[in-house]
Amino acid sequence: MSDYKQTRDAARMITSRFDKTLRNLTDNMLRNLTDDYEDEMVVVSLMRYYDLCLDNNDDSILEAIERVLEDYMCTADYNDWLLTRKGET
């Protein structure tokens, strides 16, 4: 086997590994962005639904929404939102 063929085969192996790694990284980044966008949609929708439910004074629904929002939001954002909802700010 010639040196040229060995070099070419080695380059092909490295390139294919790099391509596969890059593809996996890109897929993971896009999946994370999609997940973040979906989480944001859930949060905004639930906040709007919460405002609609305030008129009905149904505490069980409001508490359920608060629990779900707590899971989806970072702690600081959730606490700020909750304080504004409770009228403490």
PDB file of N, CA and C in Angstrom:
ATOM      1  N   MET A   1       0.853  -1.168   0.000  1.00  0.00           N
ATOM      2  CA  MET A   1       0.000   0.000   0.000  1.00  0.00           C
ATOM      3  C   MET A   1       0.906   1.241   0.000  1.00  0.00           C
ATOM      4  N   SER A   2       0.564   2.180  -0.809  1.00  0.00           N
ATOM      5  CA  SER A   2       1.396   3.372  -0.927  1.00  0.00           C
ATOM      6  C   SER A   2       1.154   4.324   0.235  1.00  0.00           C
ATOM      7  N   ASP A   3       2.118   5.190   0.479  1.00  0.00           N
ATOM      8  CA  ASP A   3       1.976   6.202   1.525  1.00  0.00           C
ATOM      9  C   ASP A   3       0.784   7.118   1.244  1.00  0.00           C
ATOM     10  N   TYR A   4       0.577   7.412  -0.027  1.00  0.00           N
ATOM     11  CA  TYR A   4      -0.546   8.274  -0.406  1.00  0.00           C
ATOM     12  C   TYR A   4      -1.873   7.645   0.006  1.00  0.00           C
ATOM     13  N   LYS A   5      -2.022   6.346  -0.273  1.00  0.00           N
ATOM     14  CA  LYS A   5      -3.269   5.646   0.067  1.00  0.00           C
ATOM     15  C   LYS A   5      -3.445   5.583   1.587  1.00  0.00           C
ATOM     16  N   GLN A   6      -2.382   5.314   2.323  1.00  0.00           N
ATOM     17  CA  GLN A   6      -2.464   5.264   3.785  1.00  0.00           C
ATOM     18  C   GLN A   6      -2.861   6.636   4.347  1.00  0.00           C
ATOM     19  N   THR A   7      -2.247   7.678   3.821  1.00  0.00           N
ATOM     20  CA  THR A   7      -2.573   9.038   4.277  1.00  0.00           C
ATOM     21  C   THR A   7      -4.018   9.371   3.962  1.00  0.00           C
ATOM     22  N   ARG A   8      -4.446   9.005   2.779  1.00  0.00           N
ATOM     23  CA  ARG A   8      -5.823   9.281   2.370  1.00  0.00           C
ATOM     24  C   ARG A   8      -6.817   8.511   3.239  1.00  0.00           C
ATOM     25  N   ASP A   9      -6.544   7.248   3.528  1.00  0.00           N
ATOM     26  CA  ASP A   9      -7.413   6.443   4.389  1.00  0.00           C
ATOM     27  C   ASP A   9      -7.473   7.014   5.801  1.00  0.00           C
ATOM     28  N   ALA A  10      -6.333   7.424   6.326  1.00  0.00           N
ATOM     29  CA  ALA A  10      -6.302   8.018   7.670  1.00  0.00           C
ATOM     30  C   ALA A  10      -7.086   9.327   7.694  1.00  0.00           C
ATOM     31  N   ALA A  11      -6.915  10.133   6.663  1.00  0.00           N
ATOM     32  CA  ALA A  11      -7.650  11.403   6.588  1.00  0.00           C
ATOM     33  C   ALA A  11      -9.146  11.154   6.501  1.00  0.00           C
ATOM     34  N   ARG A  12      -9.556  10.148   5.757  1.00  0.00           N
ATOM     35  CA  ARG A  12     -10.977   9.812   5.631  1.00  0.00           C
ATOM     36  C   ARG A  12     -11.553   9.390   6.994  1.00  0.00           C
ATOM     37  N   MET A  13     -10.791   8.581   7.748  1.00  0.00           N
ATOM     38  CA  MET A  13     -11.257   8.146   9.064  1.00  0.00           C
ATOM     39  C   MET A  13     -11.404   9.333  10.012  1.00  0.00           C
ATOM     40  N   ILE A  14     -10.417  10.207  10.040  1.00  0.00           N
ATOM     41  CA  ILE A  14     -10.466  11.375  10.927  1.00  0.00           C
ATOM     42  C   ILE A  14     -11.611  12.296  10.533  1.00  0.00           C
ATOM     43  N   THR A  15     -11.755  12.533   9.233  1.00  0.00           N
ATOM     44  CA  THR A  15     -12.822  13.410   8.747  1.00  0.00           C
ATOM     45  C   THR A  15     -14.194  12.849   9.083  1.00  0.00           C
ATOM     46  N   SER A  16     -14.365  11.551   8.905  1.00  0.00           N
ATOM     47  CA  SER A  16     -15.679  10.957   9.181  1.00  0.00           C
ATOM     48  C   SER A  16     -15.983  10.996  10.681  1.00  0.00           C
ATOM     49  N   ARG A  17     -14.990  10.795  11.525  1.00  0.00           N
ATOM     50  CA  ARG A  17     -15.201  10.889  12.977  1.00  0.00           C
ATOM     51  C   ARG A  17     -15.543  12.316  13.378  1.00  0.00           C
ATOM     52  N   PHE A  18     -14.810  13.278  12.830  1.00  0.00           N
ATOM     53  CA  PHE A  18     -15.074  14.683  13.129  1.00  0.00           C
ATOM     54  C   PHE A  18     -16.465  15.077  12.661  1.00  0.00           C
ATOM     55  N   ASP A  19     -16.827  14.625  11.457  1.00  0.00           N
ATOM     56  CA  ASP A  19     -18.144  14.935  10.903  1.00  0.00           C
ATOM     57  C   ASP A  19     -19.242  14.362  11.785  1.00  0.00           C
ATOM     58  N   LYS A  20     -19.049  13.131  12.239  1.00  0.00           N
ATOM     59  CA  LYS A  20     -20.042  12.480  13.100  1.00  0.00           C
ATOM     60  C   LYS A  20     -20.153  13.214  14.440  1.00  0.00           C
ATOM     61  N   THR A  21     -19.020  13.603  15.020  1.00  0.00           N
ATOM     62  CA  THR A  21     -19.021  14.334  16.287  1.00  0.00           C
ATOM     63  C   THR A  21     -19.695  15.686  16.130  1.00  0.00           C
ATOM     64  N   LEU A  22     -19.363  16.378  15.052  1.00  0.00           N
ATOM     65  CA  LEU A  22     -19.958  17.689  14.794  1.00  0.00           C
ATOM     66  C   LEU A  22     -21.463  17.569  14.584  1.00  0.00           C
ATOM     67  N   ARG A  23     -21.880  16.550  13.858  1.00  0.00           N
ATOM     68  CA  ARG A  23     -23.304  16.325  13.626  1.00  0.00           C
ATOM     69  C   ARG A  23     -24.032  16.059  14.950  1.00  0.00           C
ATOM     70  N   ASN A  24     -23.439  15.264  15.820  1.00  0.00           N
ATOM     71  CA  ASN A  24     -24.047  14.980  17.124  1.00  0.00           C
ATOM     72  C   ASN A  24     -24.153  16.243  17.964  1.00  0.00           C
ATOM     73  N   LEU A  25     -23.091  17.058  17.965  1.00  0.00           N
ATOM     74  CA  LEU A  25     -23.127  18.312  18.724  1.00  0.00           C
ATOM     75  C   LEU A  25     -24.208  19.241  18.201  1.00  0.00           C
ATOM     76  N   THR A  26     -24.295  19.350  16.892  1.00  0.00           N
ATOM     77  CA  THR A  26     -25.307  20.213  16.278  1.00  0.00           C
ATOM     78  C   THR A  26     -26.703  19.702  16.595  1.00  0.00           C
ATOM     79  N   ASP A  27     -26.914  18.404  16.489  1.00  0.00           N
ATOM     80  CA  ASP A  27     -28.225  17.824  16.812  1.00  0.00           C
ATOM     81  C   ASP A  27     -28.604  18.110  18.262  1.00  0.00           C
ATOM     82  N   ASN A  28     -27.654  17.946  19.167  1.00  0.00           N
ATOM     83  CA  ASN A  28     -27.922  18.200  20.578  1.00  0.00           C
ATOM     84  C   ASN A  28     -28.237  19.663  20.836  1.00  0.00           C
ATOM     85  N   MET A  29     -27.500  20.569  20.185  1.00  0.00           N
ATOM     86  CA  MET A  29     -27.759  22.000  20.362  1.00  0.00           C
ATOM     87  C   MET A  29     -29.157  22.362  19.859  1.00  0.00           C
ATOM     88  N   LEU A  30     -29.520  21.837  18.693  1.00  0.00           N
ATOM     89  CA  LEU A  30     -30.847  22.130  18.149  1.00  0.00           C
ATOM     90  C   LEU A  30     -31.943  21.532  19.021  1.00  0.00           C
ATOM     91  N   ARG A  31     -31.705  20.346  19.536  1.00  0.00           N
ATOM     92  CA  ARG A  31     -32.691  19.716  20.417  1.00  0.00           C
ATOM     93  C   ARG A  31     -32.869  20.550  21.685  1.00  0.00           C
ATOM     94  N   ASN A  32     -31.764  21.049  22.247  1.00  0.00           N
ATOM     95  CA  ASN A  32     -31.850  21.883  23.446  1.00  0.00           C
ATOM     96  C   ASN A  32     -32.588  23.182  23.170  1.00  0.00           C
ATOM     97  N   LEU A  33     -32.323  23.799  22.021  1.00  0.00           N
ATOM     98  CA  LEU A  33     -33.036  25.025  21.663  1.00  0.00           C
ATOM     99  C   LEU A  33     -34.527  24.762  21.502  1.00  0.00           C
ATOM    100  N   THR A  34     -34.860  23.657  20.875  1.00  0.00           N
ATOM    101  CA  THR A  34     -36.265  23.294  20.708  1.00  0.00           C
ATOM    102  C   THR A  34     -36.921  23.061  22.061  1.00  0.00           C
ATOM    103  N   ASP A  35     -36.240  22.348  22.938  1.00  0.00           N
ATOM    104  CA  ASP A  35     -36.792  22.098  24.271  1.00  0.00           C
ATOM    105  C   ASP A  35     -37.003  23.403  25.034  1.00  0.00           C
ATOM    106  N   ASP A  36     -36.030  24.322  24.947  1.00  0.00           N
ATOM    107  CA  ASP A  36     -36.159  25.609  25.622  1.00  0.00           C
ATOM    108  C   ASP A  36     -37.342  26.395  25.074  1.00  0.00           C
ATOM    109  N   TYR A  37     -37.512  26.375  23.758  1.00  0.00           N
ATOM    110  CA  TYR A  37     -38.628  27.094  23.132  1.00  0.00           C
ATOM    111  C   TYR A  37     -39.957  26.492  23.574  1.00  0.00           C
ATOM    112  N   GLU A  38     -40.039  25.164  23.623  1.00  0.00           N
ATOM    113  CA  GLU A  38     -41.266  24.510  24.067  1.00  0.00           C
ATOM    114  C   GLU A  38     -41.559  24.849  25.529  1.00  0.00           C
ATOM    115  N   ASP A  39     -40.537  24.862  26.369  1.00  0.00           N
ATOM    116  CA  ASP A  39     -40.720  25.232  27.771  1.00  0.00           C
ATOM    117  C   ASP A  39     -41.241  26.658  27.889  1.00  0.00           C
ATOM    118  N   GLU A  40     -40.687  27.552  27.088  1.00  0.00           N
ATOM    119  CA  GLU A  40     -41.119  28.949  27.110  1.00  0.00           C
ATOM    120  C   GLU A  40     -42.582  29.070  26.694  1.00  0.00           C
ATOM    121  N   MET A  41     -42.987  28.288  25.695  1.00  0.00           N
ATOM    122  CA  MET A  41     -44.385  28.306  25.262  1.00  0.00           C
ATOM    123  C   MET A  41     -45.302  27.827  26.378  1.00  0.00           C
ATOM    124  N   VAL A  42     -44.895  26.793  27.087  1.00  0.00           N
ATOM    125  CA  VAL A  42     -45.687  26.267  28.190  1.00  0.00           C
ATOM    126  C   VAL A  42     -45.831  27.326  29.282  1.00  0.00           C
ATOM    127  N   VAL A  43     -44.730  27.966  29.632  1.00  0.00           N
ATOM    128  CA  VAL A  43     -44.744  28.968  30.696  1.00  0.00           C
ATOM    129  C   VAL A  43     -45.669  30.124  30.333  1.00  0.00           C
ATOM    130  N   VAL A  44     -45.523  30.665  29.135  1.00  0.00           N
ATOM    131  CA  VAL A  44     -46.342  31.807  28.725  1.00  0.00           C
ATOM    132  C   VAL A  44     -47.816  31.413  28.668  1.00  0.00           C
ATOM    133  N   SER A  45     -48.110  30.245  28.141  1.00  0.00           N
ATOM    134  CA  SER A  45     -49.501  29.789  28.065  1.00  0.00           C
ATOM    135  C   SER A  45     -50.106  29.621  29.450  1.00  0.00           C
ATOM    136  N   LEU A  46     -49.345  29.028  30.357  1.00  0.00           N
ATOM    137  CA  LEU A  46     -49.858  28.830  31.708  1.00  0.00           C
ATOM    138  C   LEU A  46     -50.049  30.155  32.449  1.00  0.00           C
ATOM    139  N   MET A  47     -49.154  31.104  32.215  1.00  0.00           N
ATOM    140  CA  MET A  47     -49.323  32.419  32.851  1.00  0.00           C
ATOM    141  C   MET A  47     -50.600  33.087  32.370  1.00  0.00           C
ATOM    142  N   ARG A  48     -50.887  32.972  31.095  1.00  0.00           N
ATOM    143  CA  ARG A  48     -52.129  33.547  30.554  1.00  0.00           C
ATOM    144  C   ARG A  48     -53.350  32.815  31.105  1.00  0.00           C
ATOM    145  N   TYR A  49     -53.266  31.492  31.159  1.00  0.00           N
ATOM    146  CA  TYR A  49     -54.373  30.707  31.699  1.00  0.00           C
ATOM    147  C   TYR A  49     -54.589  31.035  33.177  1.00  0.00           C
ATOM    148  N   TYR A  50     -53.518  31.251  33.894  1.00  0.00           N
ATOM    149  CA  TYR A  50     -53.605  31.631  35.308  1.00  0.00           C
ATOM    150  C   TYR A  50     -54.400  32.922  35.453  1.00  0.00           C
ATOM    151  N   ASP A  51     -54.074  33.913  34.610  1.00  0.00           N
ATOM    152  CA  ASP A  51     -54.800  35.183  34.662  1.00  0.00           C
ATOM    153  C   ASP A  51     -56.285  34.989  34.373  1.00  0.00           C
ATOM    154  N   LEU A  52     -56.608  34.105  33.435  1.00  0.00           N
ATOM    155  CA  LEU A  52     -58.020  33.831  33.134  1.00  0.00           C
ATOM    156  C   LEU A  52     -58.722  33.149  34.309  1.00  0.00           C
ATOM    157  N   CYS A  53     -58.008  32.283  35.005  1.00  0.00           N
ATOM    158  CA  CYS A  53     -58.600  31.536  36.115  1.00  0.00           C
ATOM    159  C   CYS A  53     -58.783  32.392  37.372  1.00  0.00           C
ATOM    160  N   LEU A  54     -58.093  33.514  37.445  1.00  0.00           N
ATOM    161  CA  LEU A  54     -58.241  34.381  38.620  1.00  0.00           C
ATOM    162  C   LEU A  54     -59.680  34.854  38.790  1.00  0.00           C
ATOM    163  N   ASP A  55     -60.368  35.049  37.678  1.00  0.00           N
ATOM    164  CA  ASP A  55     -61.758  35.505  37.723  1.00  0.00           C
ATOM    165  C   ASP A  55     -62.685  34.460  38.339  1.00  0.00           C
ATOM    166  N   ASN A  56     -62.365  33.181  38.185  1.00  0.00           N
ATOM    167  CA  ASN A  56     -63.214  32.100  38.690  1.00  0.00           C
ATOM    168  C   ASN A  56     -62.944  31.757  40.142  1.00  0.00           C
ATOM    169  N   ASN A  57     -61.857  32.267  40.701  1.00  0.00           N
ATOM    170  CA  ASN A  57     -61.470  31.993  42.085  1.00  0.00           C
ATOM    171  C   ASN A  57     -61.386  30.496  42.379  1.00  0.00           C
ATOM    172  N   ASP A  58     -60.863  29.738  41.445  1.00  0.00           N
ATOM    173  CA  ASP A  58     -60.699  28.295  41.627  1.00  0.00           C
ATOM    174  C   ASP A  58     -59.272  28.037  42.105  1.00  0.00           C
ATOM    175  N   ASP A  59     -59.115  27.956  43.421  1.00  0.00           N
ATOM    176  CA  ASP A  59     -57.779  27.830  44.015  1.00  0.00           C
ATOM    177  C   ASP A  59     -57.055  26.554  43.607  1.00  0.00           C
ATOM    178  N   SER A  60     -57.790  25.461  43.385  1.00  0.00           N
ATOM    179  CA  SER A  60     -57.123  24.206  43.030  1.00  0.00           C
ATOM    180  C   SER A  60     -56.446  24.313  41.660  1.00  0.00           C
ATOM    181  N   ILE A  61     -57.101  24.960  40.705  1.00  0.00           N
ATOM    182  CA  ILE A  61     -56.489  25.142  39.388  1.00  0.00           C
ATOM    183  C   ILE A  61     -55.303  26.086  39.490  1.00  0.00           C
ATOM    184  N   LEU A  62     -55.453  27.157  40.247  1.00  0.00           N
ATOM    185  CA  LEU A  62     -54.363  28.120  40.398  1.00  0.00           C
ATOM    186  C   LEU A  62     -53.142  27.472  41.048  1.00  0.00           C
ATOM    187  N   GLU A  63     -53.365  26.650  42.060  1.00  0.00           N
ATOM    188  CA  GLU A  63     -52.249  25.967  42.720  1.00  0.00           C
ATOM    189  C   GLU A  63     -51.576  24.972  41.778  1.00  0.00           C
ATOM    190  N   ALA A  64     -52.375  24.287  40.965  1.00  0.00           N
ATOM    191  CA  ALA A  64     -51.806  23.330  40.009  1.00  0.00           C
ATOM    192  C   ALA A  64     -50.937  24.052  38.982  1.00  0.00           C
ATOM    193  N   ILE A  65     -51.416  25.187  38.497  1.00  0.00           N
ATOM    194  CA  ILE A  65     -50.632  25.967  37.537  1.00  0.00           C
ATOM    195  C   ILE A  65     -49.343  26.452  38.191  1.00  0.00           C
ATOM    196  N   GLU A  66     -49.435  26.898  39.430  1.00  0.00           N
ATOM    197  CA  GLU A  66     -48.232  27.357  40.146  1.00  0.00           C
ATOM    198  C   GLU A  66     -47.201  26.242  40.255  1.00  0.00           C
ATOM    199  N   ARG A  67     -47.657  25.027  40.537  1.00  0.00           N
ATOM    200  CA  ARG A  67     -46.721  23.904  40.667  1.00  0.00           C
ATOM    201  C   ARG A  67     -46.039  23.578  39.339  1.00  0.00           C
ATOM    202  N   VAL A  68     -46.803  23.600  38.259  1.00  0.00           N
ATOM    203  CA  VAL A  68     -46.216  23.315  36.954  1.00  0.00           C
ATOM    204  C   VAL A  68     -45.227  24.416  36.567  1.00  0.00           C
ATOM    205  N   LEU A  69     -45.601  25.666  36.796  1.00  0.00           N
ATOM    206  CA  LEU A  69     -44.699  26.775  36.488  1.00  0.00           C
ATOM    207  C   LEU A  69     -43.419  26.683  37.306  1.00  0.00           C
ATOM    208  N   GLU A  70     -43.536  26.249  38.525  1.00  0.00           N
ATOM    209  CA  GLU A  70     -42.354  26.104  39.375  1.00  0.00           C
ATOM    210  C   GLU A  70     -41.369  25.097  38.768  1.00  0.00           C
ATOM    211  N   ASP A  71     -41.904  24.049  38.149  1.00  0.00           N
ATOM    212  CA  ASP A  71     -41.047  23.052  37.507  1.00  0.00           C
ATOM    213  C   ASP A  71     -40.396  23.586  36.237  1.00  0.00           C
ATOM    214  N   TYR A  72     -41.109  24.418  35.505  1.00  0.00           N
ATOM    215  CA  TYR A  72     -40.609  24.890  34.215  1.00  0.00           C
ATOM    216  C   TYR A  72     -39.718  26.119  34.311  1.00  0.00           C
ATOM    217  N   MET A  73     -39.887  26.943  35.327  1.00  0.00           N
ATOM    218  CA  MET A  73     -39.166  28.210  35.412  1.00  0.00           C
ATOM    219  C   MET A  73     -37.966  28.080  36.335  1.00  0.00           C
ATOM    220  N   CYS A  74     -36.960  28.937  36.106  1.00  0.00           N
ATOM    221  CA  CYS A  74     -35.856  28.973  37.062  1.00  0.00           C
ATOM    222  C   CYS A  74     -36.395  29.603  38.360  1.00  0.00           C
ATOM    223  N   THR A  75     -35.754  29.312  39.460  1.00  0.00           N
ATOM    224  CA  THR A  75     -36.262  29.701  40.779  1.00  0.00           C
ATOM    225  C   THR A  75     -36.460  31.202  40.909  1.00  0.00           C
ATOM    226  N   ALA A  76     -35.495  31.983  40.450  1.00  0.00           N
ATOM    227  CA  ALA A  76     -35.593  33.443  40.589  1.00  0.00           C
ATOM    228  C   ALA A  76     -36.790  33.991  39.810  1.00  0.00           C
ATOM    229  N   ASP A  77     -36.974  33.527  38.571  1.00  0.00           N
ATOM    230  CA  ASP A  77     -38.104  33.991  37.759  1.00  0.00           C
ATOM    231  C   ASP A  77     -39.432  33.564  38.371  1.00  0.00           C
ATOM    232  N   TYR A  78     -39.488  32.331  38.850  1.00  0.00           N
ATOM    233  CA  TYR A  78     -40.725  31.840  39.460  1.00  0.00           C
ATOM    234  C   TYR A  78     -41.065  32.650  40.708  1.00  0.00           C
ATOM    235  N   ASN A  79     -40.086  32.893  41.552  1.00  0.00           N
ATOM    236  CA  ASN A  79     -40.346  33.664  42.777  1.00  0.00           C
ATOM    237  C   ASN A  79     -40.793  35.081  42.463  1.00  0.00           C
ATOM    238  N   ASP A  80     -40.163  35.715  41.478  1.00  0.00           N
ATOM    239  CA  ASP A  80     -40.586  37.062  41.067  1.00  0.00           C
ATOM    240  C   ASP A  80     -42.018  37.052  40.554  1.00  0.00           C
ATOM    241  N   TRP A  81     -42.332  36.073  39.714  1.00  0.00           N
ATOM    242  CA  TRP A  81     -43.685  35.978  39.173  1.00  0.00           C
ATOM    243  C   TRP A  81     -44.703  35.736  40.287  1.00  0.00           C
ATOM    244  N   LEU A  82     -44.361  34.836  41.183  1.00  0.00           N
ATOM    245  CA  LEU A  82     -45.276  34.498  42.268  1.00  0.00           C
ATOM    246  C   LEU A  82     -45.530  35.712  43.183  1.00  0.00           C
ATOM    247  N   LEU A  83     -44.484  36.469  43.450  1.00  0.00           N
ATOM    248  CA  LEU A  83     -44.656  37.675  44.279  1.00  0.00           C
ATOM    249  C   LEU A  83     -45.571  38.693  43.593  1.00  0.00           C
ATOM    250  N   THR A  84     -45.438  38.860  42.290  1.00  0.00           N
ATOM    251  CA  THR A  84     -46.323  39.785  41.581  1.00  0.00           C
ATOM    252  C   THR A  84     -47.744  39.283  41.556  1.00  0.00           C
ATOM    253  N   ARG A  85     -47.921  37.961  41.470  1.00  0.00           N
ATOM    254  CA  ARG A  85     -49.272  37.387  41.477  1.00  0.00           C
ATOM    255  C   ARG A  85     -49.940  37.563  42.837  1.00  0.00           C
ATOM    256  N   LYS A  86     -49.166  37.430  43.863  1.00  0.00           N
ATOM    257  CA  LYS A  86     -49.716  37.518  45.228  1.00  0.00           C
ATOM    258  C   LYS A  86     -49.857  38.973  45.672  1.00  0.00           C
ATOM    259  N   GLY A  87     -49.371  39.916  44.836  1.00  0.00           N
ATOM    260  CA  GLY A  87     -49.491  41.325  45.157  1.00  0.00           C
ATOM    261  C   GLY A  87     -48.554  41.815  46.238  1.00  0.00           C
ATOM    262  N   GLU A  88     -47.401  41.165  46.375  1.00  0.00           N
ATOM    263  CA  GLU A  88     -46.468  41.541  47.434  1.00  0.00           C
ATOM    264  C   GLU A  88     -45.359  42.465  46.955  1.00  0.00           C
ATOM    265  N   THR A  89     -45.357  42.806  45.645  1.00  0.00           N
ATOM    266  CA  THR A  89     -44.330  43.743  45.159  1.00  0.00           C
ATOM    267  C   THR A  89     -44.980  45.027  44.719  1.00  0.00           C
TER     268      THR A  89
END
